[in-house]
Protein backbone atom coordinates (compact mmCIF):
# COMPACT_ATOMS: atom_id res chain seq x y z
CA UNK A 1 80.73 49.90 122.16
CA UNK A 2 83.11 47.05 121.40
CA UNK A 3 86.00 45.94 123.58
CA UNK A 4 88.40 47.32 120.99
CA UNK A 5 86.82 50.76 121.09
CA UNK A 6 86.73 50.83 124.86
CA UNK A 7 90.32 49.61 125.25
CA UNK A 8 91.63 52.18 122.76
CA UNK A 9 89.57 54.94 124.38
CA UNK A 10 91.11 54.26 127.77
CA UNK A 11 94.59 53.90 126.29
CA UNK A 12 94.28 57.26 124.48
CA UNK A 13 93.01 58.93 127.66
CA UNK A 14 95.88 57.48 129.71
CA UNK A 15 98.46 58.68 127.19
CA UNK A 16 96.91 62.13 127.00
CA UNK A 17 96.64 62.42 130.79
CA UNK A 18 100.33 61.54 131.15
CA UNK A 19 101.29 64.12 128.53
CA UNK A 20 102.54 61.48 126.09
CA UNK A 21 101.91 61.82 122.36
CA UNK A 22 99.00 59.58 121.34
CA UNK A 23 100.21 57.28 118.57
CA UNK A 24 98.89 53.99 117.24
CA UNK A 25 101.98 52.17 118.50
CA UNK A 26 101.61 53.52 122.04
CA UNK A 27 97.89 52.72 122.12
CA UNK A 28 98.63 49.18 120.91
CA UNK A 29 101.34 48.82 123.57
CA UNK A 30 98.96 49.82 126.36
CA UNK A 31 96.23 47.53 125.06
CA UNK A 32 98.70 44.64 124.88
CA UNK A 33 99.95 45.40 128.42
CA UNK A 34 96.34 45.07 129.60
CA UNK A 35 96.23 41.57 128.06
CA UNK A 36 93.57 42.58 125.56
CA UNK A 37 93.42 41.89 121.86
CA UNK A 38 91.75 44.34 119.53
CA UNK A 39 91.35 44.57 115.79
CA UNK A 40 94.48 46.06 114.24
CA UNK A 41 92.67 49.12 112.87
CA UNK A 42 91.42 50.48 116.23
CA UNK A 43 94.71 51.95 117.51
CA UNK A 44 95.36 53.82 114.26
CA UNK A 45 91.81 55.19 114.15
CA UNK A 46 92.06 56.53 117.68
CA UNK A 47 95.53 57.96 117.05
CA UNK A 48 94.22 59.81 113.98
CA UNK A 49 91.27 61.13 115.98
CA UNK A 50 93.52 62.40 118.76
CA UNK A 51 95.80 63.96 116.16
CA UNK A 52 92.95 65.95 114.58
CA UNK A 53 90.85 66.76 117.66
CA UNK A 54 91.68 68.14 121.09
CA UNK A 55 91.17 65.28 123.56
CA UNK A 56 90.09 67.67 126.32
CA UNK A 57 87.36 69.07 124.07
CA UNK A 58 86.14 65.55 123.30
CA UNK A 59 85.97 64.70 127.01
CA UNK A 60 84.17 67.93 127.91
CA UNK A 61 81.56 67.50 125.15
CA UNK A 62 80.67 63.85 125.69
CA UNK A 63 77.15 64.52 126.99
CA UNK A 64 76.25 67.46 124.78
CA UNK A 65 75.09 65.48 121.75
CA UNK A 66 71.34 65.47 122.17
CA UNK A 67 68.56 67.91 122.79
CA UNK A 68 65.87 67.58 125.38
CA UNK A 69 62.15 67.18 124.79
CA UNK A 70 60.17 70.32 124.09
CA UNK A 71 58.19 71.64 127.02
CA UNK A 72 54.43 71.88 126.57
CA UNK A 73 52.35 74.47 128.43
CA UNK A 74 49.58 73.00 130.54
CA UNK A 75 46.01 74.17 129.81
CA UNK A 76 44.75 76.76 132.25
CA UNK A 77 41.47 76.54 134.11
CA UNK A 78 40.29 79.75 132.48
CA UNK A 79 41.19 78.51 129.01
CA UNK A 80 37.68 77.17 128.42
CA UNK A 81 38.97 73.91 126.97
CA UNK A 82 41.22 75.60 124.44
CA UNK A 83 44.33 73.66 123.58
CA UNK A 84 47.50 75.05 125.07
CA UNK A 85 50.18 76.21 122.68
CA UNK A 86 53.36 74.21 122.69
CA UNK A 87 56.52 76.00 123.69
CA UNK A 88 58.98 76.47 120.85
CA UNK A 89 61.36 73.54 120.54
CA UNK A 90 64.88 74.09 121.79
CA UNK A 91 67.45 74.44 119.04
CA UNK A 92 69.53 71.27 118.76
CA UNK A 93 73.27 71.38 118.29
CA UNK A 94 74.61 68.26 116.62
CA UNK A 95 77.97 67.07 117.87
CA UNK A 96 79.71 64.05 116.42
CA UNK A 97 81.97 62.20 118.81
CA UNK A 98 84.14 59.35 117.58
CA UNK A 99 85.03 57.81 120.90
């Protein structure tokens, strides 16, 4: 993650937490107040994201993007050397997060 992405992420979260509308101008103002410089397109991208998506939903779903490894049953002593059947793989839900 670049400095621009990180700075705009924090700025958008601060604005949302304070109940202030998330706009490109306000994100840029916060980033400037933090003495950071970011590419000019980052604030507008984050403002558009926050306009189209619920910020609370984005925060709550940050870690839900990947699936775990499939569990494999261990061979039993009475199996006589037969290979154990693998457990069915867990269904993956793909979530795209633009933060």
